[in-house]
Amino acid sequence: MNSSAVKRIMQEARELANDPCTDYSAAPLEDDIFEWHCTLRGSPGTEFEGGLYHFRILLPSEYPFRPPSIMMLTPNGRFELNTKICISFTNYHEELWQPAWGVRTGVL
């Protein structure tokens, strides 16, 4: 296991645990810090307003030097469930990922 990845992941988990924002939450699983689950509230003024959306985030062992994969777990009419999503900050577009980004800045 990559100790620098573990250190970074634990730092991000602590920061998110102390974040008072109610629009999102994210945390690693207790038995696998490379798998996170997060929820996002739908943005006001959009068709998603009032919704609560659940995602699964898989961090590679080379994190933060390689981007996460993200899967939608809540039916939403746009993304296929339990399938990796192709967006700019995921493993589909590794060339766009910046190691300075994290779960909150890149994903949430």
PDB file of N, CA and C in Angstrom:
ATOM      1  N   MET A   1       0.846  -1.177   0.000  1.00  0.00           N
ATOM      2  CA  MET A   1       0.000   0.000   0.000  1.00  0.00           C
ATOM      3  C   MET A   1       0.893   1.242   0.000  1.00  0.00           C
ATOM      4  N   ASN A   2       0.530   2.208  -0.772  1.00  0.00           N
ATOM      5  CA  ASN A   2       1.291   3.447  -0.916  1.00  0.00           C
ATOM      6  C   ASN A   2       1.057   4.324   0.317  1.00  0.00           C
ATOM      7  N   SER A   3       2.103   4.494   1.137  1.00  0.00           N
ATOM      8  CA  SER A   3       1.929   5.241   2.388  1.00  0.00           C
ATOM      9  C   SER A   3       1.631   6.722   2.156  1.00  0.00           C
ATOM     10  N   SER A   4       2.168   7.312   1.074  1.00  0.00           N
ATOM     11  CA  SER A   4       1.852   8.724   0.817  1.00  0.00           C
ATOM     12  C   SER A   4       0.389   8.875   0.406  1.00  0.00           C
ATOM     13  N   ALA A   5      -0.150   7.893  -0.310  1.00  0.00           N
ATOM     14  CA  ALA A   5      -1.577   7.930  -0.667  1.00  0.00           C
ATOM     15  C   ALA A   5      -2.433   7.811   0.589  1.00  0.00           C
ATOM     16  N   VAL A   6      -2.073   6.902   1.472  1.00  0.00           N
ATOM     17  CA  VAL A   6      -2.833   6.707   2.713  1.00  0.00           C
ATOM     18  C   VAL A   6      -2.803   7.985   3.549  1.00  0.00           C
ATOM     19  N   LYS A   7      -1.645   8.579   3.662  1.00  0.00           N
ATOM     20  CA  LYS A   7      -1.505   9.825   4.431  1.00  0.00           C
ATOM     21  C   LYS A   7      -2.396  10.926   3.856  1.00  0.00           C
ATOM     22  N   ARG A   8      -2.367  11.082   2.551  1.00  0.00           N
ATOM     23  CA  ARG A   8      -3.178  12.110   1.889  1.00  0.00           C
ATOM     24  C   ARG A   8      -4.665  11.825   2.072  1.00  0.00           C
ATOM     25  N   ILE A   9      -5.060  10.579   1.883  1.00  0.00           N
ATOM     26  CA  ILE A   9      -6.471  10.204   2.021  1.00  0.00           C
ATOM     27  C   ILE A   9      -6.957  10.459   3.444  1.00  0.00           C
ATOM     28  N   MET A  10      -6.166  10.106   4.435  1.00  0.00           N
ATOM     29  CA  MET A  10      -6.564  10.328   5.822  1.00  0.00           C
ATOM     30  C   MET A  10      -6.682  11.822   6.130  1.00  0.00           C
ATOM     31  N   GLN A  11      -5.785  12.622   5.568  1.00  0.00           N
ATOM     32  CA  GLN A  11      -5.855  14.078   5.749  1.00  0.00           C
ATOM     33  C   GLN A  11      -7.163  14.614   5.155  1.00  0.00           C
ATOM     34  N   GLU A  12      -7.497  14.183   3.951  1.00  0.00           N
ATOM     35  CA  GLU A  12      -8.734  14.646   3.319  1.00  0.00           C
ATOM     36  C   GLU A  12      -9.960  14.178   4.095  1.00  0.00           C
ATOM     37  N   ALA A  13      -9.920  12.958   4.606  1.00  0.00           N
ATOM     38  CA  ALA A  13     -11.053  12.445   5.389  1.00  0.00           C
ATOM     39  C   ALA A  13     -11.265  13.289   6.643  1.00  0.00           C
ATOM     40  N   ARG A  14     -10.177  13.654   7.318  1.00  0.00           N
ATOM     41  CA  ARG A  14     -10.283  14.506   8.514  1.00  0.00           C
ATOM     42  C   ARG A  14     -10.870  15.867   8.159  1.00  0.00           C
ATOM     43  N   GLU A  15     -10.383  16.466   7.074  1.00  0.00           N
ATOM     44  CA  GLU A  15     -10.884  17.782   6.663  1.00  0.00           C
ATOM     45  C   GLU A  15     -12.373  17.727   6.347  1.00  0.00           C
ATOM     46  N   LEU A  16     -12.800  16.705   5.634  1.00  0.00           N
ATOM     47  CA  LEU A  16     -14.221  16.596   5.282  1.00  0.00           C
ATOM     48  C   LEU A  16     -15.084  16.285   6.503  1.00  0.00           C
ATOM     49  N   ALA A  17     -14.559  15.515   7.433  1.00  0.00           N
ATOM     50  CA  ALA A  17     -15.315  15.206   8.655  1.00  0.00           C
ATOM     51  C   ALA A  17     -15.572  16.471   9.473  1.00  0.00           C
ATOM     52  N   ASN A  18     -14.682  17.447   9.362  1.00  0.00           N
ATOM     53  CA  ASN A  18     -14.822  18.698  10.106  1.00  0.00           C
ATOM     54  C   ASN A  18     -15.486  19.809   9.300  1.00  0.00           C
ATOM     55  N   ASP A  19     -15.897  19.515   8.095  1.00  0.00           N
ATOM     56  CA  ASP A  19     -16.521  20.511   7.217  1.00  0.00           C
ATOM     57  C   ASP A  19     -17.999  20.668   7.595  1.00  0.00           C
ATOM     58  N   PRO A  20     -18.437  21.875   7.931  1.00  0.00           N
ATOM     59  CA  PRO A  20     -19.821  22.068   8.358  1.00  0.00           C
ATOM     60  C   PRO A  20     -20.849  22.147   7.213  1.00  0.00           C
ATOM     61  N   CYS A  21     -20.407  22.086   5.966  1.00  0.00           N
ATOM     62  CA  CYS A  21     -21.324  22.226   4.829  1.00  0.00           C
ATOM     63  C   CYS A  21     -22.377  21.116   4.848  1.00  0.00           C
ATOM     64  N   THR A  22     -23.631  21.494   4.588  1.00  0.00           N
ATOM     65  CA  THR A  22     -24.712  20.509   4.543  1.00  0.00           C
ATOM     66  C   THR A  22     -25.105  20.151   3.102  1.00  0.00           C
ATOM     67  N   ASP A  23     -24.421  20.730   2.112  1.00  0.00           N
ATOM     68  CA  ASP A  23     -24.722  20.434   0.709  1.00  0.00           C
ATOM     69  C   ASP A  23     -24.058  19.151   0.230  1.00  0.00           C
ATOM     70  N   TYR A  24     -23.063  18.682   0.947  1.00  0.00           N
ATOM     71  CA  TYR A  24     -22.366  17.457   0.571  1.00  0.00           C
ATOM     72  C   TYR A  24     -21.748  16.811   1.803  1.00  0.00           C
ATOM     73  N   SER A  25     -21.464  15.541   1.678  1.00  0.00           N
ATOM     74  CA  SER A  25     -20.680  14.829   2.685  1.00  0.00           C
ATOM     75  C   SER A  25     -19.921  13.735   1.953  1.00  0.00           C
ATOM     76  N   ALA A  26     -18.763  13.383   2.461  1.00  0.00           N
ATOM     77  CA  ALA A  26     -17.953  12.328   1.856  1.00  0.00           C
ATOM     78  C   ALA A  26     -17.051  11.733   2.921  1.00  0.00           C
ATOM     79  N   ALA A  27     -16.869  10.423   2.838  1.00  0.00           N
ATOM     80  CA  ALA A  27     -15.997   9.731   3.788  1.00  0.00           C
ATOM     81  C   ALA A  27     -15.602   8.379   3.209  1.00  0.00           C
ATOM     82  N   PRO A  28     -14.415   7.902   3.607  1.00  0.00           N
ATOM     83  CA  PRO A  28     -14.006   6.562   3.161  1.00  0.00           C
ATOM     84  C   PRO A  28     -14.748   5.486   3.966  1.00  0.00           C
ATOM     85  N   LEU A  29     -14.795   4.295   3.397  1.00  0.00           N
ATOM     86  CA  LEU A  29     -15.337   3.164   4.142  1.00  0.00           C
ATOM     87  C   LEU A  29     -14.394   2.844   5.293  1.00  0.00           C
ATOM     88  N   GLU A  30     -14.925   2.300   6.364  1.00  0.00           N
ATOM     89  CA  GLU A  30     -14.085   1.962   7.514  1.00  0.00           C
ATOM     90  C   GLU A  30     -13.058   0.892   7.182  1.00  0.00           C
ATOM     91  N   ASP A  31     -13.406  -0.043   6.301  1.00  0.00           N
ATOM     92  CA  ASP A  31     -12.502  -1.156   6.004  1.00  0.00           C
ATOM     93  C   ASP A  31     -11.739  -1.005   4.685  1.00  0.00           C
ATOM     94  N   ASP A  32     -11.908   0.127   3.991  1.00  0.00           N
ATOM     95  CA  ASP A  32     -11.189   0.362   2.744  1.00  0.00           C
ATOM     96  C   ASP A  32     -11.128   1.865   2.490  1.00  0.00           C
ATOM     97  N   ILE A  33     -10.031   2.499   2.855  1.00  0.00           N
ATOM     98  CA  ILE A  33      -9.947   3.958   2.719  1.00  0.00           C
ATOM     99  C   ILE A  33      -9.854   4.412   1.262  1.00  0.00           C
ATOM    100  N   PHE A  34      -9.657   3.482   0.334  1.00  0.00           N
ATOM    101  CA  PHE A  34      -9.604   3.837  -1.080  1.00  0.00           C
ATOM    102  C   PHE A  34     -11.003   3.866  -1.714  1.00  0.00           C
ATOM    103  N   GLU A  35     -12.009   3.447  -0.965  1.00  0.00           N
ATOM    104  CA  GLU A  35     -13.397   3.548  -1.444  1.00  0.00           C
ATOM    105  C   GLU A  35     -14.142   4.524  -0.549  1.00  0.00           C
ATOM    106  N   TRP A  36     -14.667   5.568  -1.177  1.00  0.00           N
ATOM    107  CA  TRP A  36     -15.425   6.596  -0.473  1.00  0.00           C
ATOM    108  C   TRP A  36     -16.871   6.564  -0.944  1.00  0.00           C
ATOM    109  N   HIS A  37     -17.749   7.065  -0.099  1.00  0.00           N
ATOM    110  CA  HIS A  37     -19.134   7.299  -0.493  1.00  0.00           C
ATOM    111  C   HIS A  37     -19.434   8.749  -0.167  1.00  0.00           C
ATOM    112  N   CYS A  38     -20.173   9.378  -1.063  1.00  0.00           N
ATOM    113  CA  CYS A  38     -20.519  10.775  -0.832  1.00  0.00           C
ATOM    114  C   CYS A  38     -21.960  11.024  -1.239  1.00  0.00           C
ATOM    115  N   THR A  39     -22.502  12.083  -0.684  1.00  0.00           N
ATOM    116  CA  THR A  39     -23.834  12.539  -1.076  1.00  0.00           C
ATOM    117  C   THR A  39     -23.729  14.016  -1.441  1.00  0.00           C
ATOM    118  N   LEU A  40     -24.516  14.398  -2.429  1.00  0.00           N
ATOM    119  CA  LEU A  40     -24.606  15.790  -2.864  1.00  0.00           C
ATOM    120  C   LEU A  40     -26.075  16.182  -2.920  1.00  0.00           C
ATOM    121  N   ARG A  41     -26.390  17.355  -2.457  1.00  0.00           N
ATOM    122  CA  ARG A  41     -27.751  17.887  -2.594  1.00  0.00           C
ATOM    123  C   ARG A  41     -27.880  18.529  -3.971  1.00  0.00           C
ATOM    124  N   GLY A  42     -29.065  18.371  -4.568  1.00  0.00           N
ATOM    125  CA  GLY A  42     -29.313  19.005  -5.855  1.00  0.00           C
ATOM    126  C   GLY A  42     -29.247  20.514  -5.741  1.00  0.00           C
ATOM    127  N   SER A  43     -28.679  21.153  -6.736  1.00  0.00           N
ATOM    128  CA  SER A  43     -28.510  22.618  -6.717  1.00  0.00           C
ATOM    129  C   SER A  43     -29.855  23.340  -6.787  1.00  0.00           C
ATOM    130  N   PRO A  44     -30.019  24.389  -5.975  1.00  0.00           N
ATOM    131  CA  PRO A  44     -31.244  25.190  -6.032  1.00  0.00           C
ATOM    132  C   PRO A  44     -31.442  25.778  -7.436  1.00  0.00           C
ATOM    133  N   GLY A  45     -32.683  25.845  -7.845  1.00  0.00           N
ATOM    134  CA  GLY A  45     -33.003  26.428  -9.139  1.00  0.00           C
ATOM    135  C   GLY A  45     -32.761  25.511 -10.324  1.00  0.00           C
ATOM    136  N   THR A  46     -32.450  24.235 -10.051  1.00  0.00           N
ATOM    137  CA  THR A  46     -32.262  23.270 -11.139  1.00  0.00           C
ATOM    138  C   THR A  46     -33.290  22.165 -10.996  1.00  0.00           C
ATOM    139  N   GLU A  47     -33.371  21.327 -11.997  1.00  0.00           N
ATOM    140  CA  GLU A  47     -34.293  20.184 -11.934  1.00  0.00           C
ATOM    141  C   GLU A  47     -33.893  19.194 -10.842  1.00  0.00           C
ATOM    142  N   PHE A  48     -32.682  19.324 -10.301  1.00  0.00           N
ATOM    143  CA  PHE A  48     -32.199  18.419  -9.260  1.00  0.00           C
ATOM    144  C   PHE A  48     -32.441  18.960  -7.848  1.00  0.00           C
ATOM    145  N   GLU A  49     -32.974  20.177  -7.746  1.00  0.00           N
ATOM    146  CA  GLU A  49     -33.250  20.785  -6.447  1.00  0.00           C
ATOM    147  C   GLU A  49     -34.110  19.858  -5.600  1.00  0.00           C
ATOM    148  N   GLY A  50     -33.735  19.718  -4.335  1.00  0.00           N
ATOM    149  CA  GLY A  50     -34.480  18.859  -3.415  1.00  0.00           C
ATOM    150  C   GLY A  50     -34.010  17.420  -3.418  1.00  0.00           C
ATOM    151  N   GLY A  51     -33.179  17.047  -4.386  1.00  0.00           N
ATOM    152  CA  GLY A  51     -32.679  15.681  -4.449  1.00  0.00           C
ATOM    153  C   GLY A  51     -31.432  15.485  -3.604  1.00  0.00           C
ATOM    154  N   LEU A  52     -31.201  14.251  -3.216  1.00  0.00           N
ATOM    155  CA  LEU A  52     -29.981  13.872  -2.511  1.00  0.00           C
ATOM    156  C   LEU A  52     -29.372  12.724  -3.304  1.00  0.00           C
ATOM    157  N   TYR A  53     -28.174  12.917  -3.799  1.00  0.00           N
ATOM    158  CA  TYR A  53     -27.551  11.986  -4.738  1.00  0.00           C
ATOM    159  C   TYR A  53     -26.345  11.308  -4.110  1.00  0.00           C
ATOM    160  N   HIS A  54     -26.303   9.993  -4.235  1.00  0.00           N
ATOM    161  CA  HIS A  54     -25.278   9.154  -3.612  1.00  0.00           C
ATOM    162  C   HIS A  54     -24.285   8.702  -4.684  1.00  0.00           C
ATOM    163  N   PHE A  55     -23.001   8.872  -4.394  1.00  0.00           N
ATOM    164  CA  PHE A  55     -21.926   8.485  -5.303  1.00  0.00           C
ATOM    165  C   PHE A  55     -20.942   7.563  -4.597  1.00  0.00           C
ATOM    166  N   ARG A  56     -20.279   6.756  -5.388  1.00  0.00           N
ATOM    167  CA  ARG A  56     -19.170   5.918  -4.925  1.00  0.00           C
ATOM    168  C   ARG A  56     -17.912   6.451  -5.603  1.00  0.00           C
ATOM    169  N   ILE A  57     -16.871   6.695  -4.831  1.00  0.00           N
ATOM    170  CA  ILE A  57     -15.604   7.228  -5.343  1.00  0.00           C
ATOM    171  C   ILE A  57     -14.519   6.191  -5.060  1.00  0.00           C
ATOM    172  N   LEU A  58     -13.811   5.776  -6.112  1.00  0.00           N
ATOM    173  CA  LEU A  58     -12.718   4.822  -5.959  1.00  0.00           C
ATOM    174  C   LEU A  58     -11.402   5.548  -6.229  1.00  0.00           C
ATOM    175  N   LEU A  59     -10.554   5.580  -5.215  1.00  0.00           N
ATOM    176  CA  LEU A  59      -9.258   6.234  -5.339  1.00  0.00           C
ATOM    177  C   LEU A  59      -8.211   5.185  -5.706  1.00  0.00           C
ATOM    178  N   PRO A  60      -7.365   5.469  -6.693  1.00  0.00           N
ATOM    179  CA  PRO A  60      -6.326   4.514  -7.066  1.00  0.00           C
ATOM    180  C   PRO A  60      -5.207   4.490  -6.018  1.00  0.00           C
ATOM    181  N   SER A  61      -4.422   3.433  -5.985  1.00  0.00           N
ATOM    182  CA  SER A  61      -3.326   3.349  -5.017  1.00  0.00           C
ATOM    183  C   SER A  61      -2.275   4.423  -5.261  1.00  0.00           C
ATOM    184  N   GLU A  62      -2.263   5.017  -6.459  1.00  0.00           N
ATOM    185  CA  GLU A  62      -1.312   6.084  -6.779  1.00  0.00           C
ATOM    186  C   GLU A  62      -1.882   7.483  -6.486  1.00  0.00           C
ATOM    187  N   TYR A  63      -3.025   7.555  -5.838  1.00  0.00           N
ATOM    188  CA  TYR A  63      -3.652   8.820  -5.494  1.00  0.00           C
ATOM    189  C   TYR A  63      -2.688   9.650  -4.663  1.00  0.00           C
ATOM    190  N   PRO A  64      -2.544  10.917  -4.850  1.00  0.00           N
ATOM    191  CA  PRO A  64      -3.289  11.830  -5.701  1.00  0.00           C
ATOM    192  C   PRO A  64      -2.686  12.035  -7.090  1.00  0.00           C
ATOM    193  N   PHE A  65      -1.735  11.204  -7.461  1.00  0.00           N
ATOM    194  CA  PHE A  65      -1.083  11.385  -8.763  1.00  0.00           C
ATOM    195  C   PHE A  65      -1.891  10.795  -9.914  1.00  0.00           C
ATOM    196  N   ARG A  66      -2.901  10.017  -9.583  1.00  0.00           N
ATOM    197  CA  ARG A  66      -3.854   9.526 -10.581  1.00  0.00           C
ATOM    198  C   ARG A  66      -5.255   9.837 -10.075  1.00  0.00           C
ATOM    199  N   PRO A  67      -6.189  10.114 -10.982  1.00  0.00           N
ATOM    200  CA  PRO A  67      -7.530  10.561 -10.579  1.00  0.00           C
ATOM    201  C   PRO A  67      -8.440   9.424 -10.097  1.00  0.00           C
ATOM    202  N   PRO A  68      -9.483   9.813  -9.380  1.00  0.00           N
ATOM    203  CA  PRO A  68     -10.467   8.828  -8.917  1.00  0.00           C
ATOM    204  C   PRO A  68     -11.420   8.408 -10.031  1.00  0.00           C
ATOM    205  N   SER A  69     -12.132   7.327  -9.755  1.00  0.00           N
ATOM    206  CA  SER A  69     -13.271   6.911 -10.576  1.00  0.00           C
ATOM    207  C   SER A  69     -14.515   7.226  -9.753  1.00  0.00           C
ATOM    208  N   ILE A  70     -15.583   7.625 -10.429  1.00  0.00           N
ATOM    209  CA  ILE A  70     -16.816   7.986  -9.733  1.00  0.00           C
ATOM    210  C   ILE A  70     -17.979   7.234 -10.357  1.00  0.00           C
ATOM    211  N   MET A  71     -18.841   6.705  -9.498  1.00  0.00           N
ATOM    212  CA  MET A  71     -20.042   6.010  -9.950  1.00  0.00           C
ATOM    213  C   MET A  71     -21.252   6.584  -9.239  1.00  0.00           C
ATOM    214  N   MET A  72     -22.316   6.775  -9.974  1.00  0.00           N
ATOM    215  CA  MET A  72     -23.578   7.279  -9.426  1.00  0.00           C
ATOM    216  C   MET A  72     -24.357   6.087  -8.885  1.00  0.00           C
ATOM    217  N   LEU A  73     -24.909   6.225  -7.689  1.00  0.00           N
ATOM    218  CA  LEU A  73     -25.694   5.152  -7.079  1.00  0.00           C
ATOM    219  C   LEU A  73     -27.170   5.508  -6.932  1.00  0.00           C
ATOM    220  N   THR A  74     -27.528   6.756  -7.219  1.00  0.00           N
ATOM    221  CA  THR A  74     -28.913   7.217  -7.110  1.00  0.00           C
ATOM    222  C   THR A  74     -29.503   7.378  -8.506  1.00  0.00           C
ATOM    223  N   PRO A  75     -30.679   6.794  -8.763  1.00  0.00           N
ATOM    224  CA  PRO A  75     -31.314   7.019 -10.072  1.00  0.00           C
ATOM    225  C   PRO A  75     -31.504   8.519 -10.294  1.00  0.00           C
ATOM    226  N   ASN A  76     -31.142   8.990 -11.515  1.00  0.00           N
ATOM    227  CA  ASN A  76     -31.159  10.426 -11.752  1.00  0.00           C
ATOM    228  C   ASN A  76     -31.561  10.812 -13.163  1.00  0.00           C
ATOM    229  N   GLY A  77     -31.733   9.859 -14.050  1.00  0.00           N
ATOM    230  CA  GLY A  77     -32.153  10.165 -15.404  1.00  0.00           C
ATOM    231  C   GLY A  77     -31.029  10.594 -16.329  1.00  0.00           C
ATOM    232  N   ARG A  78     -29.810  10.686 -15.818  1.00  0.00           N
ATOM    233  CA  ARG A  78     -28.698  11.117 -16.664  1.00  0.00           C
ATOM    234  C   ARG A  78     -27.574  10.088 -16.745  1.00  0.00           C
ATOM    235  N   PHE A  79     -27.137   9.592 -15.578  1.00  0.00           N
ATOM    236  CA  PHE A  79     -26.033   8.650 -15.545  1.00  0.00           C
ATOM    237  C   PHE A  79     -26.527   7.237 -15.272  1.00  0.00           C
ATOM    238  N   GLU A  80     -25.862   6.261 -15.897  1.00  0.00           N
ATOM    239  CA  GLU A  80     -26.167   4.855 -15.639  1.00  0.00           C
ATOM    240  C   GLU A  80     -25.653   4.508 -14.244  1.00  0.00           C
ATOM    241  N   LEU A  81     -26.441   3.780 -13.470  1.00  0.00           N
ATOM    242  CA  LEU A  81     -26.060   3.447 -12.098  1.00  0.00           C
ATOM    243  C   LEU A  81     -24.915   2.443 -12.060  1.00  0.00           C
ATOM    244  N   ASN A  82     -24.074   2.572 -11.043  1.00  0.00           N
ATOM    245  CA  ASN A  82     -22.958   1.654 -10.787  1.00  0.00           C
ATOM    246  C   ASN A  82     -22.000   1.517 -11.956  1.00  0.00           C
ATOM    247  N   THR A  83     -21.891   2.545 -12.763  1.00  0.00           N
ATOM    248  CA  THR A  83     -20.984   2.565 -13.911  1.00  0.00           C
ATOM    249  C   THR A  83     -20.116   3.804 -13.797  1.00  0.00           C
ATOM    250  N   LYS A  84     -18.829   3.658 -14.082  1.00  0.00           N
ATOM    251  CA  LYS A  84     -17.925   4.799 -13.975  1.00  0.00           C
ATOM    252  C   LYS A  84     -18.391   5.934 -14.880  1.00  0.00           C
ATOM    253  N   ILE A  85     -18.395   7.140 -14.325  1.00  0.00           N
ATOM    254  CA  ILE A  85     -18.852   8.336 -15.022  1.00  0.00           C
ATOM    255  C   ILE A  85     -17.675   8.971 -15.753  1.00  0.00           C
ATOM    256  N   CYS A  86     -17.922   9.392 -16.988  1.00  0.00           N
ATOM    257  CA  CYS A  86     -16.904  10.058 -17.791  1.00  0.00           C
ATOM    258  C   CYS A  86     -17.061  11.565 -17.646  1.00  0.00           C
ATOM    259  N   ILE A  87     -16.300  12.144 -16.724  1.00  0.00           N
ATOM    260  CA  ILE A  87     -16.246  13.595 -16.571  1.00  0.00           C
ATOM    261  C   ILE A  87     -14.776  14.011 -16.450  1.00  0.00           C
ATOM    262  N   SER A  88     -14.499  15.284 -16.588  1.00  0.00           N
ATOM    263  CA  SER A  88     -13.134  15.766 -16.774  1.00  0.00           C
ATOM    264  C   SER A  88     -12.155  15.412 -15.653  1.00  0.00           C
ATOM    265  N   PHE A  89     -12.596  15.246 -14.424  1.00  0.00           N
ATOM    266  CA  PHE A  89     -11.636  14.997 -13.346  1.00  0.00           C
ATOM    267  C   PHE A  89     -11.608  13.532 -12.916  1.00  0.00           C
ATOM    268  N   THR A  90     -12.060  12.614 -13.783  1.00  0.00           N
ATOM    269  CA  THR A  90     -12.032  11.196 -13.447  1.00  0.00           C
ATOM    270  C   THR A  90     -10.977  10.471 -14.267  1.00  0.00           C
ATOM    271  N   ASN A  91     -10.906   9.166 -14.044  1.00  0.00           N
ATOM    272  CA  ASN A  91      -9.904   8.355 -14.730  1.00  0.00           C
ATOM    273  C   ASN A  91     -10.115   8.316 -16.242  1.00  0.00           C
ATOM    274  N   TYR A  92     -11.253   8.776 -16.742  1.00  0.00           N
ATOM    275  CA  TYR A  92     -11.478   8.830 -18.191  1.00  0.00           C
ATOM    276  C   TYR A  92     -10.614   9.913 -18.841  1.00  0.00           C
ATOM    277  N   HIS A  93     -10.244  10.915 -18.075  1.00  0.00           N
ATOM    278  CA  HIS A  93      -9.465  12.038 -18.601  1.00  0.00           C
ATOM    279  C   HIS A  93      -8.285  12.311 -17.669  1.00  0.00           C
ATOM    280  N   GLU A  94      -7.435  11.316 -17.499  1.00  0.00           N
ATOM    281  CA  GLU A  94      -6.304  11.438 -16.568  1.00  0.00           C
ATOM    282  C   GLU A  94      -5.444  12.657 -16.854  1.00  0.00           C
ATOM    283  N   GLU A  95      -5.346  13.038 -18.122  1.00  0.00           N
ATOM    284  CA  GLU A  95      -4.481  14.164 -18.485  1.00  0.00           C
ATOM    285  C   GLU A  95      -4.972  15.487 -17.904  1.00  0.00           C
ATOM    286  N   LEU A  96      -6.234  15.566 -17.501  1.00  0.00           N
ATOM    287  CA  LEU A  96      -6.779  16.795 -16.934  1.00  0.00           C
ATOM    288  C   LEU A  96      -6.670  16.864 -15.410  1.00  0.00           C
ATOM    289  N   TRP A  97      -6.419  15.725 -14.773  1.00  0.00           N
ATOM    290  CA  TRP A  97      -6.357  15.657 -13.319  1.00  0.00           C
ATOM    291  C   TRP A  97      -5.132  16.405 -12.789  1.00  0.00           C
ATOM    292  N   GLN A  98      -5.309  17.111 -11.689  1.00  0.00           N
ATOM    293  CA  GLN A  98      -4.220  17.824 -11.023  1.00  0.00           C
ATOM    294  C   GLN A  98      -4.013  17.208  -9.636  1.00  0.00           C
ATOM    295  N   PRO A  99      -2.796  16.756  -9.299  1.00  0.00           N
ATOM    296  CA  PRO A  99      -2.557  16.164  -7.979  1.00  0.00           C
ATOM    297  C   PRO A  99      -2.892  17.090  -6.811  1.00  0.00           C
ATOM    298  N   ALA A 100      -2.929  18.395  -7.039  1.00  0.00           N
ATOM    299  CA  ALA A 100      -3.300  19.322  -5.959  1.00  0.00           C
ATOM    300  C   ALA A 100      -4.787  19.224  -5.629  1.00  0.00           C
ATOM    301  N   TRP A 101      -5.583  18.684  -6.545  1.00  0.00           N
ATOM    302  CA  TRP A 101      -7.006  18.497  -6.283  1.00  0.00           C
ATOM    303  C   TRP A 101      -7.177  17.355  -5.290  1.00  0.00           C
ATOM    304  N   GLY A 102      -8.342  17.318  -4.688  1.00  0.00           N
ATOM    305  CA  GLY A 102      -8.666  16.245  -3.772  1.00  0.00           C
ATOM    306  C   GLY A 102     -10.114  15.844  -3.964  1.00  0.00           C
ATOM    307  N   VAL A 103     -10.616  15.057  -3.036  1.00  0.00           N
ATOM    308  CA  VAL A 103     -12.008  14.618  -3.117  1.00  0.00           C
ATOM    309  C   VAL A 103     -12.940  15.826  -3.123  1.00  0.00           C
ATOM    310  N   ARG A 104     -12.714  16.765  -2.263  1.00  0.00           N
ATOM    311  CA  ARG A 104     -13.594  17.944  -2.192  1.00  0.00           C
ATOM    312  C   ARG A 104     -13.379  18.885  -3.386  1.00  0.00           C
ATOM    313  N   THR A 105     -12.155  19.192  -3.731  1.00  0.00           N
ATOM    314  CA  THR A 105     -11.910  20.173  -4.778  1.00  0.00           C
ATOM    315  C   THR A 105     -12.089  19.611  -6.182  1.00  0.00           C
ATOM    316  N   GLY A 106     -11.824  18.329  -6.360  1.00  0.00           N
ATOM    317  CA  GLY A 106     -11.958  17.737  -7.695  1.00  0.00           C
ATOM    318  C   GLY A 106     -13.301  17.084  -7.915  1.00  0.00           C
ATOM    319  N   VAL A 107     -13.851  16.493  -6.898  1.00  0.00           N
ATOM    320  CA  VAL A 107     -15.059  15.691  -7.049  1.00  0.00           C
ATOM    321  C   VAL A 107     -16.311  16.401  -6.568  1.00  0.00           C
ATOM    322  N   LEU A 108     -16.277  16.968  -5.369  1.00  0.00           N
ATOM    323  CA  LEU A 108     -17.494  17.556  -4.797  1.00  0.00           C
ATOM    324  C   LEU A 108     -17.741  18.893  -5.352  1.00  0.00           C
TER     325      LEU A 108
END
